[in-house]
Amino acid sequence: MQPTLNAKSSSGDSYYEVKFHHEDGKLKVFCSCAAGEKGRFCKHKWQLLSGNSDMLHNPEQLEDLQKVVTWVKDSDFKRLYDKVNELELELEVIKKQIKAEKKNVERRMREGF
């Protein structure tokens, strides 16, 4: 079984096909969106690999999504997913620090250095 899931577009009016290929313990993922066509990371792949059923355009594909999630559990995806999430959290902290420092610079420009 090599499922193709329909992932909602941003508008929700249409969908992209996300194809999963599982062979020899390896999981490959392809998406028909513009980024996916270029082999890039896209939210459709990410959300479905994460098991987000809200991304499904067709709720009747839930069983196929659950099969994909089973394959993900046997892959290296969880470690990669956790690392990306960790880095995104660090980025948010850094963005807040940058914003605070910019405010400090603005204040100092008004008051003098």
N, C-alpha and C. Protein backbone atom coordinates (compact mmCIF):
# COMPACT_ATOMS: atom_id res chain seq x y z
N MET A 1 0.84 -1.19 0.00
CA MET A 1 0.00 0.00 0.00
C MET A 1 0.88 1.24 0.00
N GLN A 2 0.73 2.09 -0.98
CA GLN A 2 1.47 3.34 -1.10
C GLN A 2 0.41 4.46 -1.19
N PRO A 3 -0.07 4.96 -0.05
CA PRO A 3 -1.20 5.90 -0.09
C PRO A 3 -0.85 7.27 -0.66
N THR A 4 -1.86 7.87 -1.25
CA THR A 4 -1.82 9.26 -1.66
C THR A 4 -2.92 9.95 -0.88
N LEU A 5 -2.52 10.94 -0.09
CA LEU A 5 -3.48 11.68 0.72
C LEU A 5 -3.70 13.06 0.12
N ASN A 6 -4.92 13.56 0.26
CA ASN A 6 -5.25 14.88 -0.24
C ASN A 6 -5.14 15.88 0.91
N ALA A 7 -4.14 16.77 0.81
CA ALA A 7 -3.90 17.77 1.85
C ALA A 7 -4.55 19.09 1.44
N LYS A 8 -5.23 19.72 2.37
CA LYS A 8 -5.90 20.98 2.10
C LYS A 8 -4.91 22.05 1.65
N SER A 9 -5.37 22.86 0.72
CA SER A 9 -4.60 24.04 0.34
C SER A 9 -4.85 25.10 1.42
N SER A 10 -4.13 26.20 1.36
CA SER A 10 -4.30 27.26 2.35
C SER A 10 -5.72 27.79 2.38
N SER A 11 -6.34 27.89 1.22
CA SER A 11 -7.72 28.39 1.15
C SER A 11 -8.72 27.33 1.63
N GLY A 12 -8.33 26.07 1.55
CA GLY A 12 -9.23 24.98 1.92
C GLY A 12 -10.17 24.58 0.81
N ASP A 13 -10.14 25.34 -0.29
CA ASP A 13 -11.05 25.06 -1.41
C ASP A 13 -10.54 23.95 -2.32
N SER A 14 -9.25 23.75 -2.32
CA SER A 14 -8.65 22.72 -3.16
C SER A 14 -7.68 21.91 -2.32
N TYR A 15 -6.94 21.03 -2.97
CA TYR A 15 -6.01 20.18 -2.22
C TYR A 15 -4.80 19.85 -3.07
N TYR A 16 -3.77 19.37 -2.38
CA TYR A 16 -2.57 18.87 -3.03
C TYR A 16 -2.46 17.39 -2.73
N GLU A 17 -1.91 16.66 -3.67
CA GLU A 17 -1.71 15.22 -3.46
C GLU A 17 -0.36 15.01 -2.78
N VAL A 18 -0.39 14.31 -1.66
CA VAL A 18 0.83 13.97 -0.95
C VAL A 18 0.97 12.45 -1.03
N LYS A 19 2.01 12.02 -1.73
CA LYS A 19 2.22 10.59 -1.94
C LYS A 19 3.27 10.07 -0.98
N PHE A 20 2.98 8.93 -0.41
CA PHE A 20 3.88 8.27 0.52
C PHE A 20 4.34 6.95 -0.07
N HIS A 21 5.63 6.74 -0.03
CA HIS A 21 6.21 5.51 -0.56
C HIS A 21 7.03 4.88 0.55
N HIS A 22 6.63 3.70 0.97
CA HIS A 22 7.30 2.99 2.06
C HIS A 22 7.86 1.68 1.53
N GLU A 23 9.19 1.58 1.57
CA GLU A 23 9.84 0.37 1.06
C GLU A 23 11.17 0.18 1.77
N ASP A 24 11.46 -1.06 2.11
CA ASP A 24 12.72 -1.41 2.78
C ASP A 24 12.96 -0.57 4.03
N GLY A 25 11.89 -0.27 4.76
CA GLY A 25 12.00 0.49 6.00
C GLY A 25 12.22 1.98 5.82
N LYS A 26 12.19 2.44 4.57
CA LYS A 26 12.37 3.87 4.30
C LYS A 26 11.06 4.47 3.83
N LEU A 27 10.81 5.68 4.30
CA LEU A 27 9.60 6.40 3.93
C LEU A 27 9.98 7.63 3.11
N LYS A 28 9.42 7.72 1.91
CA LYS A 28 9.64 8.87 1.04
C LYS A 28 8.31 9.58 0.88
N VAL A 29 8.38 10.92 0.76
CA VAL A 29 7.17 11.73 0.69
C VAL A 29 7.30 12.74 -0.44
N PHE A 30 6.24 12.86 -1.23
CA PHE A 30 6.20 13.78 -2.35
C PHE A 30 4.88 14.55 -2.31
N CYS A 31 4.93 15.85 -2.61
CA CYS A 31 3.73 16.68 -2.61
C CYS A 31 3.61 17.41 -3.93
N SER A 32 2.37 17.62 -4.38
CA SER A 32 2.13 18.28 -5.66
C SER A 32 2.08 19.80 -5.56
N CYS A 33 2.31 20.38 -4.37
CA CYS A 33 2.33 21.84 -4.25
C CYS A 33 3.61 22.38 -4.91
N ALA A 34 3.69 23.69 -5.07
CA ALA A 34 4.84 24.30 -5.75
C ALA A 34 6.16 23.94 -5.07
N ALA A 35 6.21 24.03 -3.74
CA ALA A 35 7.44 23.68 -3.02
C ALA A 35 7.72 22.19 -3.14
N GLY A 36 6.69 21.39 -2.99
CA GLY A 36 6.85 19.95 -3.07
C GLY A 36 7.33 19.47 -4.43
N GLU A 37 6.85 20.11 -5.48
CA GLU A 37 7.27 19.75 -6.84
C GLU A 37 8.77 19.96 -7.03
N LYS A 38 9.33 20.87 -6.25
CA LYS A 38 10.77 21.14 -6.31
C LYS A 38 11.55 20.31 -5.29
N GLY A 39 10.84 19.40 -4.61
CA GLY A 39 11.49 18.53 -3.63
C GLY A 39 11.76 19.21 -2.31
N ARG A 40 11.11 20.35 -2.08
CA ARG A 40 11.35 21.11 -0.86
C ARG A 40 10.40 20.69 0.25
N PHE A 41 10.74 21.15 1.40
CA PHE A 41 9.94 20.99 2.60
C PHE A 41 8.65 21.79 2.42
N CYS A 42 7.51 21.22 2.75
CA CYS A 42 6.26 21.98 2.70
C CYS A 42 5.38 21.60 3.89
N LYS A 43 4.44 22.49 4.18
CA LYS A 43 3.58 22.27 5.34
C LYS A 43 2.68 21.05 5.14
N HIS A 44 2.37 20.70 3.91
CA HIS A 44 1.49 19.56 3.66
C HIS A 44 2.15 18.26 4.10
N LYS A 45 3.41 18.10 3.69
CA LYS A 45 4.17 16.91 4.11
C LYS A 45 4.31 16.90 5.63
N TRP A 46 4.75 18.05 6.16
CA TRP A 46 5.02 18.19 7.59
C TRP A 46 3.80 17.83 8.44
N GLN A 47 2.67 18.42 8.09
CA GLN A 47 1.45 18.21 8.87
C GLN A 47 0.96 16.76 8.79
N LEU A 48 1.00 16.18 7.62
CA LEU A 48 0.55 14.80 7.49
C LEU A 48 1.51 13.83 8.16
N LEU A 49 2.81 14.06 8.03
CA LEU A 49 3.77 13.21 8.73
C LEU A 49 3.62 13.32 10.23
N SER A 50 3.14 14.47 10.69
CA SER A 50 2.91 14.69 12.11
C SER A 50 1.59 14.09 12.58
N GLY A 51 0.80 13.58 11.62
CA GLY A 51 -0.46 12.94 11.96
C GLY A 51 -1.63 13.91 12.09
N ASN A 52 -1.48 15.13 11.58
CA ASN A 52 -2.53 16.14 11.70
C ASN A 52 -3.66 15.83 10.73
N SER A 53 -4.74 15.27 11.24
CA SER A 53 -5.88 14.90 10.40
C SER A 53 -6.67 16.12 9.93
N ASP A 54 -6.47 17.28 10.57
CA ASP A 54 -7.14 18.51 10.12
C ASP A 54 -6.65 18.92 8.73
N MET A 55 -5.48 18.45 8.34
CA MET A 55 -4.91 18.79 7.04
C MET A 55 -5.58 17.99 5.92
N LEU A 56 -6.28 16.91 6.26
CA LEU A 56 -6.91 16.08 5.24
C LEU A 56 -8.07 16.80 4.56
N HIS A 57 -8.04 16.85 3.25
CA HIS A 57 -9.15 17.41 2.48
C HIS A 57 -10.31 16.42 2.47
N ASN A 58 -9.98 15.14 2.52
CA ASN A 58 -10.97 14.07 2.50
C ASN A 58 -10.87 13.28 3.81
N PRO A 59 -11.80 13.50 4.76
CA PRO A 59 -11.73 12.81 6.05
C PRO A 59 -11.80 11.29 5.94
N GLU A 60 -12.25 10.79 4.81
CA GLU A 60 -12.33 9.35 4.61
C GLU A 60 -10.95 8.72 4.47
N GLN A 61 -9.91 9.55 4.38
CA GLN A 61 -8.54 9.05 4.25
C GLN A 61 -7.85 8.89 5.61
N LEU A 62 -8.60 9.01 6.67
CA LEU A 62 -8.03 8.93 8.01
C LEU A 62 -7.30 7.61 8.25
N GLU A 63 -7.85 6.52 7.77
CA GLU A 63 -7.21 5.21 7.94
C GLU A 63 -5.84 5.17 7.25
N ASP A 64 -5.76 5.74 6.06
CA ASP A 64 -4.47 5.80 5.36
C ASP A 64 -3.48 6.69 6.11
N LEU A 65 -3.98 7.80 6.67
CA LEU A 65 -3.11 8.68 7.46
C LEU A 65 -2.56 7.93 8.67
N GLN A 66 -3.40 7.14 9.31
CA GLN A 66 -2.95 6.37 10.48
C GLN A 66 -1.87 5.37 10.08
N LYS A 67 -1.98 4.80 8.90
CA LYS A 67 -0.95 3.88 8.40
C LYS A 67 0.37 4.64 8.22
N VAL A 68 0.30 5.84 7.65
CA VAL A 68 1.50 6.66 7.46
C VAL A 68 2.13 6.97 8.81
N VAL A 69 1.32 7.32 9.79
CA VAL A 69 1.82 7.63 11.14
C VAL A 69 2.55 6.43 11.73
N THR A 70 2.05 5.23 11.45
CA THR A 70 2.72 4.01 11.91
C THR A 70 4.10 3.90 11.28
N TRP A 71 4.19 4.20 9.99
CA TRP A 71 5.49 4.16 9.31
C TRP A 71 6.43 5.20 9.89
N VAL A 72 5.90 6.38 10.20
CA VAL A 72 6.71 7.47 10.76
C VAL A 72 7.34 7.04 12.08
N LYS A 73 6.57 6.34 12.89
CA LYS A 73 7.08 5.89 14.20
C LYS A 73 8.27 4.97 14.05
N ASP A 74 8.36 4.28 12.93
CA ASP A 74 9.48 3.36 12.69
C ASP A 74 10.62 4.04 11.92
N SER A 75 10.52 5.35 11.75
CA SER A 75 11.54 6.07 10.97
C SER A 75 12.31 7.04 11.85
N ASP A 76 13.20 7.78 11.23
CA ASP A 76 14.00 8.78 11.91
C ASP A 76 13.29 10.13 11.96
N PHE A 77 12.07 10.18 11.44
CA PHE A 77 11.34 11.44 11.36
C PHE A 77 11.12 12.09 12.72
N LYS A 78 10.78 11.32 13.72
CA LYS A 78 10.49 11.88 15.05
C LYS A 78 11.67 12.69 15.56
N ARG A 79 12.87 12.15 15.43
CA ARG A 79 14.06 12.87 15.89
C ARG A 79 14.23 14.17 15.10
N LEU A 80 14.05 14.10 13.80
CA LEU A 80 14.18 15.28 12.95
C LEU A 80 13.10 16.31 13.28
N TYR A 81 11.89 15.84 13.47
CA TYR A 81 10.76 16.70 13.83
C TYR A 81 11.02 17.41 15.15
N ASP A 82 11.46 16.66 16.14
CA ASP A 82 11.75 17.24 17.45
C ASP A 82 12.86 18.28 17.36
N LYS A 83 13.88 18.02 16.54
CA LYS A 83 14.99 18.97 16.38
C LYS A 83 14.50 20.26 15.74
N VAL A 84 13.69 20.17 14.70
CA VAL A 84 13.16 21.37 14.06
C VAL A 84 12.31 22.16 15.05
N ASN A 85 11.46 21.49 15.80
CA ASN A 85 10.63 22.18 16.80
C ASN A 85 11.49 22.86 17.86
N GLU A 86 12.53 22.18 18.30
CA GLU A 86 13.45 22.75 19.29
C GLU A 86 14.10 24.03 18.73
N LEU A 87 14.56 23.98 17.50
CA LEU A 87 15.19 25.14 16.88
C LEU A 87 14.19 26.28 16.67
N GLU A 88 12.96 25.94 16.32
CA GLU A 88 11.94 26.98 16.15
C GLU A 88 11.65 27.68 17.47
N LEU A 89 11.63 26.92 18.57
CA LEU A 89 11.44 27.54 19.89
C LEU A 89 12.60 28.45 20.23
N GLU A 90 13.82 28.00 19.96
CA GLU A 90 15.00 28.82 20.20
C GLU A 90 14.93 30.09 19.37
N LEU A 91 14.47 29.98 18.13
CA LEU A 91 14.36 31.14 17.25
C LEU A 91 13.38 32.15 17.82
N GLU A 92 12.26 31.68 18.35
CA GLU A 92 11.28 32.59 18.94
C GLU A 92 11.88 33.35 20.13
N VAL A 93 12.66 32.66 20.94
CA VAL A 93 13.32 33.31 22.07
C VAL A 93 14.29 34.39 21.57
N ILE A 94 15.06 34.05 20.55
CA ILE A 94 16.02 35.00 19.98
C ILE A 94 15.30 36.20 19.36
N LYS A 95 14.18 35.96 18.68
CA LYS A 95 13.42 37.07 18.10
C LYS A 95 12.95 38.03 19.20
N LYS A 96 12.51 37.49 20.32
CA LYS A 96 12.08 38.34 21.44
C LYS A 96 13.26 39.12 22.01
N GLN A 97 14.41 38.49 22.09
CA GLN A 97 15.61 39.18 22.58
C GLN A 97 16.00 40.31 21.64
N ILE A 98 15.94 40.06 20.35
CA ILE A 98 16.27 41.08 19.36
C ILE A 98 15.31 42.26 19.49
N LYS A 99 14.02 41.97 19.61
CA LYS A 99 13.02 43.03 19.74
C LYS A 99 13.30 43.88 20.98
N ALA A 100 13.62 43.23 22.09
CA ALA A 100 13.92 43.96 23.33
C ALA A 100 15.16 44.83 23.16
N GLU A 101 16.18 44.32 22.49
CA GLU A 101 17.41 45.09 22.29
C GLU A 101 17.17 46.27 21.35
N LYS A 102 16.33 46.10 20.35
CA LYS A 102 16.00 47.21 19.46
C LYS A 102 15.30 48.32 20.22
N LYS A 103 14.39 47.94 21.11
CA LYS A 103 13.72 48.94 21.95
C LYS A 103 14.73 49.66 22.84
N ASN A 104 15.69 48.92 23.34
CA ASN A 104 16.74 49.52 24.16
C ASN A 104 17.55 50.53 23.34
N VAL A 105 17.90 50.16 22.11
CA VAL A 105 18.65 51.06 21.23
C VAL A 105 17.81 52.31 20.94
N GLU A 106 16.51 52.12 20.64
CA GLU A 106 15.62 53.26 20.39
C GLU A 106 15.59 54.21 21.59
N ARG A 107 15.47 53.63 22.76
CA ARG A 107 15.44 54.44 23.99
C ARG A 107 16.74 55.20 24.16
N ARG A 108 17.84 54.50 23.93
CA ARG A 108 19.15 55.15 24.10
C ARG A 108 19.39 56.23 23.06
N MET A 109 18.82 56.05 21.85
CA MET A 109 18.97 57.09 20.83
C MET A 109 18.23 58.35 21.24
N ARG A 110 17.10 58.19 21.92
CA ARG A 110 16.35 59.35 22.40
C ARG A 110 17.06 60.02 23.58
N GLU A 111 17.57 59.19 24.50
CA GLU A 111 18.18 59.69 25.73
C GLU A 111 19.65 60.06 25.56
N GLY A 112 20.27 59.45 24.62
CA GLY A 112 21.70 59.66 24.38
C GLY A 112 22.51 58.45 24.83
N PHE A 113 23.66 58.32 24.22
CA PHE A 113 24.52 57.16 24.51
C PHE A 113 25.56 57.52 25.55
